[in-house]
Amino acid sequence: AIGPANHLHYLNVWARAKEALPEVRFLSYEALHADTLAELAGVLRYAGAADIPGDVIASAVEYGSFDNMRQMEAGGTFKSGMLRPADASDTTTYKTRSGKVGGYTEHLSDEDIAYLDDLITERLDPVYSY
């Protein structure tokens, strides 16, 4: 079954793998959102591509920005139906829904958020520092 408890279990498996494999690099949506350019440069260094010029990385960040991705999705740039909104007039059907850290709080009840917060506090490995 898929659910938040199983997702936390999966994340905890990765946390244990990091202990055994120090070369594993964690990357979070929150970190990418806070400093996309630095995080992408770090991923490229990690992957052995440290010599990519900063302006190329900046161009990639701009291309992959929320606003650009939303514009491309709305404009039908992507040929795959999986990458198109189910209803172009309903932004909740877009893959690029809000581009915000914590945006889920706008869609869940206070009770659901409290449940998830408690579950995370109780079960998620502290390596994730949420």
N, C-alpha and C. Protein backbone atom coordinates (compact mmCIF):
# COMPACT_ATOMS: atom_id res chain seq x y z
N ALA A 1 0.84 -1.19 0.00
CA ALA A 1 0.00 0.00 0.00
C ALA A 1 0.88 1.24 0.00
N ILE A 2 0.42 2.25 -0.70
CA ILE A 2 1.14 3.52 -0.76
C ILE A 2 0.48 4.46 0.25
N GLY A 3 1.29 5.14 1.00
CA GLY A 3 0.79 6.10 1.98
C GLY A 3 1.95 6.77 2.65
N PRO A 4 1.66 7.76 3.50
CA PRO A 4 2.75 8.51 4.11
C PRO A 4 3.68 7.66 4.97
N ALA A 5 3.16 6.69 5.70
CA ALA A 5 4.02 5.84 6.54
C ALA A 5 4.98 5.04 5.67
N ASN A 6 4.50 4.52 4.56
CA ASN A 6 5.37 3.76 3.65
C ASN A 6 6.39 4.67 2.99
N HIS A 7 6.00 5.88 2.68
CA HIS A 7 6.94 6.83 2.09
C HIS A 7 8.06 7.15 3.09
N LEU A 8 7.70 7.34 4.34
CA LEU A 8 8.72 7.60 5.37
C LEU A 8 9.65 6.40 5.52
N HIS A 9 9.09 5.21 5.45
CA HIS A 9 9.92 4.00 5.52
C HIS A 9 10.94 4.01 4.38
N TYR A 10 10.49 4.33 3.19
CA TYR A 10 11.36 4.39 2.02
C TYR A 10 12.48 5.41 2.23
N LEU A 11 12.12 6.59 2.73
CA LEU A 11 13.14 7.60 3.00
C LEU A 11 14.13 7.13 4.06
N ASN A 12 13.65 6.42 5.05
CA ASN A 12 14.53 5.91 6.10
C ASN A 12 15.48 4.84 5.57
N VAL A 13 15.06 4.07 4.59
CA VAL A 13 15.95 3.11 3.95
C VAL A 13 17.11 3.86 3.31
N TRP A 14 16.83 4.98 2.65
CA TRP A 14 17.88 5.79 2.04
C TRP A 14 18.79 6.39 3.11
N ALA A 15 18.22 6.77 4.24
CA ALA A 15 19.05 7.32 5.33
C ALA A 15 20.04 6.28 5.82
N ARG A 16 19.60 5.04 5.94
CA ARG A 16 20.51 3.97 6.35
C ARG A 16 21.54 3.70 5.27
N ALA A 17 21.16 3.80 4.02
CA ALA A 17 22.11 3.60 2.92
C ALA A 17 23.19 4.67 2.95
N LYS A 18 22.81 5.89 3.32
CA LYS A 18 23.79 6.97 3.38
C LYS A 18 24.87 6.67 4.43
N GLU A 19 24.49 6.03 5.52
CA GLU A 19 25.47 5.66 6.53
C GLU A 19 26.50 4.70 5.95
N ALA A 20 26.04 3.76 5.12
CA ALA A 20 26.93 2.76 4.53
C ALA A 20 27.64 3.27 3.29
N LEU A 21 27.05 4.25 2.64
CA LEU A 21 27.58 4.78 1.39
C LEU A 21 27.72 6.29 1.50
N PRO A 22 28.79 6.77 2.09
CA PRO A 22 28.92 8.22 2.31
C PRO A 22 28.91 9.05 1.03
N GLU A 23 29.14 8.41 -0.10
CA GLU A 23 29.11 9.17 -1.35
C GLU A 23 27.69 9.49 -1.82
N VAL A 24 26.68 8.93 -1.17
CA VAL A 24 25.30 9.25 -1.51
C VAL A 24 25.05 10.71 -1.16
N ARG A 25 24.42 11.44 -2.06
CA ARG A 25 24.15 12.86 -1.84
C ARG A 25 22.65 13.06 -1.78
N PHE A 26 22.19 13.64 -0.69
CA PHE A 26 20.77 13.96 -0.56
C PHE A 26 20.52 15.34 -1.15
N LEU A 27 19.38 15.49 -1.79
CA LEU A 27 18.98 16.77 -2.35
C LEU A 27 17.49 16.91 -2.11
N SER A 28 17.09 17.99 -1.50
CA SER A 28 15.67 18.19 -1.20
C SER A 28 15.08 19.29 -2.07
N TYR A 29 13.78 19.24 -2.20
CA TYR A 29 13.05 20.29 -2.91
C TYR A 29 13.28 21.63 -2.22
N GLU A 30 13.29 21.58 -0.89
CA GLU A 30 13.48 22.81 -0.12
C GLU A 30 14.84 23.45 -0.42
N ALA A 31 15.89 22.62 -0.48
CA ALA A 31 17.23 23.14 -0.79
C ALA A 31 17.29 23.68 -2.21
N LEU A 32 16.69 22.96 -3.14
CA LEU A 32 16.65 23.45 -4.53
C LEU A 32 15.91 24.77 -4.62
N HIS A 33 14.84 24.89 -3.88
CA HIS A 33 14.05 26.10 -3.91
C HIS A 33 14.83 27.27 -3.30
N ALA A 34 15.57 27.00 -2.25
CA ALA A 34 16.31 28.05 -1.54
C ALA A 34 17.47 28.59 -2.37
N ASP A 35 18.18 27.71 -3.08
CA ASP A 35 19.35 28.15 -3.85
C ASP A 35 19.56 27.19 -5.02
N THR A 36 18.73 27.32 -6.02
CA THR A 36 18.72 26.40 -7.16
C THR A 36 20.08 26.35 -7.85
N LEU A 37 20.67 27.49 -8.08
CA LEU A 37 21.95 27.55 -8.79
C LEU A 37 23.04 26.78 -8.04
N ALA A 38 23.18 27.04 -6.76
CA ALA A 38 24.22 26.36 -5.96
C ALA A 38 23.95 24.86 -5.87
N GLU A 39 22.70 24.47 -5.69
CA GLU A 39 22.38 23.05 -5.57
C GLU A 39 22.63 22.31 -6.89
N LEU A 40 22.26 22.92 -8.01
CA LEU A 40 22.52 22.28 -9.30
C LEU A 40 24.02 22.18 -9.54
N ALA A 41 24.77 23.21 -9.23
CA ALA A 41 26.22 23.16 -9.37
C ALA A 41 26.79 22.04 -8.50
N GLY A 42 26.26 21.86 -7.30
CA GLY A 42 26.70 20.79 -6.42
C GLY A 42 26.40 19.41 -6.98
N VAL A 43 25.24 19.27 -7.57
CA VAL A 43 24.87 17.99 -8.20
C VAL A 43 25.81 17.70 -9.37
N LEU A 44 26.11 18.71 -10.15
CA LEU A 44 27.01 18.51 -11.29
C LEU A 44 28.41 18.13 -10.83
N ARG A 45 28.91 18.79 -9.78
CA ARG A 45 30.21 18.40 -9.22
C ARG A 45 30.17 16.96 -8.73
N TYR A 46 29.10 16.60 -8.04
CA TYR A 46 28.92 15.25 -7.52
C TYR A 46 28.95 14.22 -8.66
N ALA A 47 28.37 14.60 -9.79
CA ALA A 47 28.30 13.70 -10.94
C ALA A 47 29.57 13.73 -11.78
N GLY A 48 30.56 14.52 -11.37
CA GLY A 48 31.82 14.56 -12.09
C GLY A 48 31.86 15.58 -13.20
N ALA A 49 30.92 16.52 -13.20
CA ALA A 49 30.87 17.54 -14.25
C ALA A 49 31.14 18.91 -13.64
N ALA A 50 32.25 19.03 -12.94
CA ALA A 50 32.56 20.27 -12.22
C ALA A 50 32.99 21.41 -13.14
N ASP A 51 33.30 21.10 -14.39
CA ASP A 51 33.84 22.13 -15.28
C ASP A 51 32.77 22.84 -16.12
N ILE A 52 31.51 22.70 -15.76
CA ILE A 52 30.44 23.37 -16.50
C ILE A 52 30.44 24.84 -16.10
N PRO A 53 30.52 25.75 -17.06
CA PRO A 53 30.56 27.18 -16.74
C PRO A 53 29.30 27.64 -16.00
N GLY A 54 29.49 28.62 -15.13
CA GLY A 54 28.38 29.15 -14.33
C GLY A 54 27.25 29.69 -15.16
N ASP A 55 27.55 30.31 -16.31
CA ASP A 55 26.49 30.87 -17.14
C ASP A 55 25.63 29.76 -17.77
N VAL A 56 26.24 28.61 -18.04
CA VAL A 56 25.47 27.47 -18.59
C VAL A 56 24.54 26.92 -17.51
N ILE A 57 25.07 26.83 -16.30
CA ILE A 57 24.23 26.36 -15.18
C ILE A 57 23.09 27.33 -14.94
N ALA A 58 23.39 28.62 -14.96
CA ALA A 58 22.35 29.64 -14.77
C ALA A 58 21.28 29.55 -15.85
N SER A 59 21.71 29.28 -17.09
CA SER A 59 20.75 29.13 -18.19
C SER A 59 19.84 27.91 -17.96
N ALA A 60 20.43 26.83 -17.47
CA ALA A 60 19.64 25.63 -17.18
C ALA A 60 18.64 25.90 -16.06
N VAL A 61 19.08 26.63 -15.06
CA VAL A 61 18.18 26.98 -13.94
C VAL A 61 17.02 27.83 -14.46
N GLU A 62 17.30 28.79 -15.30
CA GLU A 62 16.24 29.63 -15.85
C GLU A 62 15.28 28.79 -16.70
N TYR A 63 15.83 27.90 -17.53
CA TYR A 63 14.99 27.05 -18.36
C TYR A 63 14.06 26.19 -17.50
N GLY A 64 14.59 25.67 -16.41
CA GLY A 64 13.80 24.80 -15.54
C GLY A 64 13.03 25.54 -14.46
N SER A 65 12.99 26.85 -14.52
CA SER A 65 12.28 27.62 -13.50
C SER A 65 10.79 27.31 -13.53
N PHE A 66 10.15 27.52 -12.40
CA PHE A 66 8.72 27.26 -12.31
C PHE A 66 7.95 28.02 -13.38
N ASP A 67 8.23 29.32 -13.49
CA ASP A 67 7.49 30.14 -14.46
C ASP A 67 7.65 29.64 -15.88
N ASN A 68 8.88 29.27 -16.25
CA ASN A 68 9.11 28.78 -17.61
C ASN A 68 8.44 27.42 -17.83
N MET A 69 8.56 26.54 -16.84
CA MET A 69 7.94 25.22 -16.98
C MET A 69 6.41 25.35 -17.07
N ARG A 70 5.84 26.24 -16.28
CA ARG A 70 4.39 26.47 -16.32
C ARG A 70 3.99 26.99 -17.68
N GLN A 71 4.76 27.94 -18.21
CA GLN A 71 4.47 28.51 -19.53
C GLN A 71 4.54 27.43 -20.61
N MET A 72 5.57 26.59 -20.54
CA MET A 72 5.69 25.53 -21.55
C MET A 72 4.56 24.52 -21.41
N GLU A 73 4.20 24.19 -20.18
CA GLU A 73 3.10 23.24 -19.99
C GLU A 73 1.79 23.81 -20.51
N ALA A 74 1.52 25.06 -20.19
CA ALA A 74 0.28 25.71 -20.64
C ALA A 74 0.25 25.85 -22.16
N GLY A 75 1.43 26.06 -22.75
CA GLY A 75 1.50 26.27 -24.20
C GLY A 75 1.56 24.99 -25.01
N GLY A 76 1.55 23.84 -24.34
CA GLY A 76 1.57 22.57 -25.06
C GLY A 76 2.92 22.21 -25.65
N THR A 77 4.00 22.75 -25.07
CA THR A 77 5.34 22.48 -25.57
C THR A 77 5.68 20.99 -25.55
N PHE A 78 5.22 20.33 -24.51
CA PHE A 78 5.55 18.91 -24.34
C PHE A 78 4.57 18.05 -25.13
N LYS A 79 5.12 17.14 -25.90
CA LYS A 79 4.29 16.31 -26.77
C LYS A 79 3.60 15.17 -26.02
N SER A 80 4.21 14.73 -24.94
CA SER A 80 3.64 13.63 -24.17
C SER A 80 2.40 14.09 -23.42
N GLY A 81 1.34 13.33 -23.50
CA GLY A 81 0.12 13.64 -22.77
C GLY A 81 0.33 13.63 -21.27
N MET A 82 1.33 12.86 -20.82
CA MET A 82 1.63 12.79 -19.39
C MET A 82 2.17 14.12 -18.87
N LEU A 83 2.67 14.95 -19.75
CA LEU A 83 3.25 16.23 -19.35
C LEU A 83 2.36 17.41 -19.68
N ARG A 84 1.11 17.12 -19.93
CA ARG A 84 0.15 18.19 -20.21
C ARG A 84 -0.92 18.20 -19.13
N PRO A 85 -1.48 19.37 -18.86
CA PRO A 85 -2.56 19.41 -17.87
C PRO A 85 -3.79 18.67 -18.39
N ALA A 86 -4.51 18.04 -17.49
CA ALA A 86 -5.74 17.37 -17.89
C ALA A 86 -6.77 18.38 -18.38
N ASP A 87 -6.75 19.57 -17.76
CA ASP A 87 -7.67 20.64 -18.12
C ASP A 87 -6.89 21.95 -18.06
N ALA A 88 -6.59 22.52 -19.21
CA ALA A 88 -5.74 23.71 -19.27
C ALA A 88 -6.32 24.89 -18.49
N SER A 89 -7.62 24.90 -18.23
CA SER A 89 -8.23 25.99 -17.48
C SER A 89 -8.21 25.74 -15.97
N ASP A 90 -7.75 24.55 -15.55
CA ASP A 90 -7.71 24.19 -14.13
C ASP A 90 -6.26 23.96 -13.71
N THR A 91 -5.68 24.95 -13.03
CA THR A 91 -4.26 24.87 -12.68
C THR A 91 -3.94 23.72 -11.73
N THR A 92 -4.94 23.15 -11.07
CA THR A 92 -4.67 22.01 -10.18
C THR A 92 -4.35 20.74 -10.97
N THR A 93 -4.60 20.75 -12.28
CA THR A 93 -4.29 19.58 -13.10
C THR A 93 -2.92 19.69 -13.77
N TYR A 94 -2.22 20.78 -13.52
CA TYR A 94 -0.88 20.97 -14.08
C TYR A 94 0.14 20.19 -13.26
N LYS A 95 1.23 19.82 -13.88
CA LYS A 95 2.35 19.23 -13.15
C LYS A 95 3.04 20.34 -12.34
N THR A 96 3.05 21.54 -12.91
CA THR A 96 3.59 22.72 -12.23
C THR A 96 2.43 23.41 -11.52
N ARG A 97 2.15 22.95 -10.31
CA ARG A 97 0.96 23.45 -9.62
C ARG A 97 1.19 24.76 -8.88
N SER A 98 2.19 24.83 -7.99
CA SER A 98 2.36 26.08 -7.24
C SER A 98 3.82 26.51 -7.14
N GLY A 99 4.74 25.58 -7.15
CA GLY A 99 6.15 25.93 -7.07
C GLY A 99 6.55 26.50 -5.72
N LYS A 100 5.82 26.14 -4.66
CA LYS A 100 6.10 26.66 -3.33
C LYS A 100 6.49 25.53 -2.39
N VAL A 101 7.42 25.83 -1.50
CA VAL A 101 7.71 24.90 -0.42
C VAL A 101 6.52 24.93 0.53
N GLY A 102 6.04 23.76 0.89
CA GLY A 102 4.91 23.67 1.83
C GLY A 102 3.56 23.93 1.19
N GLY A 103 3.49 23.94 -0.12
CA GLY A 103 2.23 24.20 -0.81
C GLY A 103 1.13 23.21 -0.47
N TYR A 104 1.52 22.04 0.00
CA TYR A 104 0.52 21.02 0.35
C TYR A 104 -0.42 21.52 1.45
N THR A 105 0.05 22.46 2.28
CA THR A 105 -0.78 22.93 3.39
C THR A 105 -2.02 23.67 2.90
N GLU A 106 -2.01 24.10 1.65
CA GLU A 106 -3.17 24.77 1.08
C GLU A 106 -4.23 23.78 0.62
N HIS A 107 -3.90 22.49 0.62
CA HIS A 107 -4.81 21.48 0.09
C HIS A 107 -5.23 20.44 1.12
N LEU A 108 -4.61 20.44 2.27
CA LEU A 108 -4.93 19.47 3.31
C LEU A 108 -5.60 20.15 4.49
N SER A 109 -6.39 19.38 5.20
CA SER A 109 -7.05 19.92 6.39
C SER A 109 -6.03 20.07 7.51
N ASP A 110 -6.36 20.87 8.51
CA ASP A 110 -5.49 21.03 9.67
C ASP A 110 -5.25 19.68 10.35
N GLU A 111 -6.26 18.85 10.37
CA GLU A 111 -6.15 17.52 10.97
C GLU A 111 -5.14 16.65 10.20
N ASP A 112 -5.22 16.69 8.88
CA ASP A 112 -4.28 15.92 8.06
C ASP A 112 -2.85 16.42 8.21
N ILE A 113 -2.69 17.73 8.27
CA ILE A 113 -1.36 18.31 8.45
C ILE A 113 -0.79 17.91 9.80
N ALA A 114 -1.60 17.97 10.84
CA ALA A 114 -1.15 17.56 12.18
C ALA A 114 -0.75 16.09 12.18
N TYR A 115 -1.55 15.25 11.51
CA TYR A 115 -1.22 13.82 11.42
C TYR A 115 0.13 13.62 10.75
N LEU A 116 0.34 14.29 9.63
CA LEU A 116 1.62 14.16 8.91
C LEU A 116 2.78 14.70 9.73
N ASP A 117 2.60 15.84 10.37
CA ASP A 117 3.66 16.40 11.21
C ASP A 117 4.04 15.43 12.32
N ASP A 118 3.05 14.84 12.96
CA ASP A 118 3.32 13.87 14.03
C ASP A 118 4.03 12.64 13.49
N LEU A 119 3.57 12.16 12.36
CA LEU A 119 4.19 10.97 11.75
C LEU A 119 5.64 11.24 11.38
N ILE A 120 5.90 12.39 10.81
CA ILE A 120 7.27 12.76 10.43
C ILE A 120 8.14 12.88 11.68
N THR A 121 7.64 13.55 12.69
CA THR A 121 8.40 13.71 13.93
C THR A 121 8.71 12.36 14.55
N GLU A 122 7.75 11.48 14.52
CA GLU A 122 7.88 10.16 15.15
C GLU A 122 8.75 9.20 14.35
N ARG A 123 8.68 9.25 13.02
CA ARG A 123 9.29 8.19 12.22
C ARG A 123 10.41 8.58 11.28
N LEU A 124 10.50 9.82 10.87
CA LEU A 124 11.48 10.18 9.85
C LEU A 124 12.87 10.34 10.46
N ASP A 125 13.84 9.71 9.84
CA ASP A 125 15.23 9.79 10.29
C ASP A 125 15.65 11.27 10.34
N PRO A 126 16.32 11.67 11.42
CA PRO A 126 16.70 13.08 11.55
C PRO A 126 17.73 13.56 10.52
N VAL A 127 18.31 12.65 9.76
CA VAL A 127 19.26 13.07 8.71
C VAL A 127 18.58 14.04 7.74
N TYR A 128 17.26 13.95 7.63
CA TYR A 128 16.55 14.82 6.69
C TYR A 128 16.30 16.21 7.24
N SER A 129 16.42 16.41 8.52
CA SER A 129 16.30 17.71 9.20
C SER A 129 15.03 18.49 8.80
N TYR A 130 13.92 17.81 8.77
CA TYR A 130 12.64 18.50 8.51
C TYR A 130 12.04 18.93 9.83
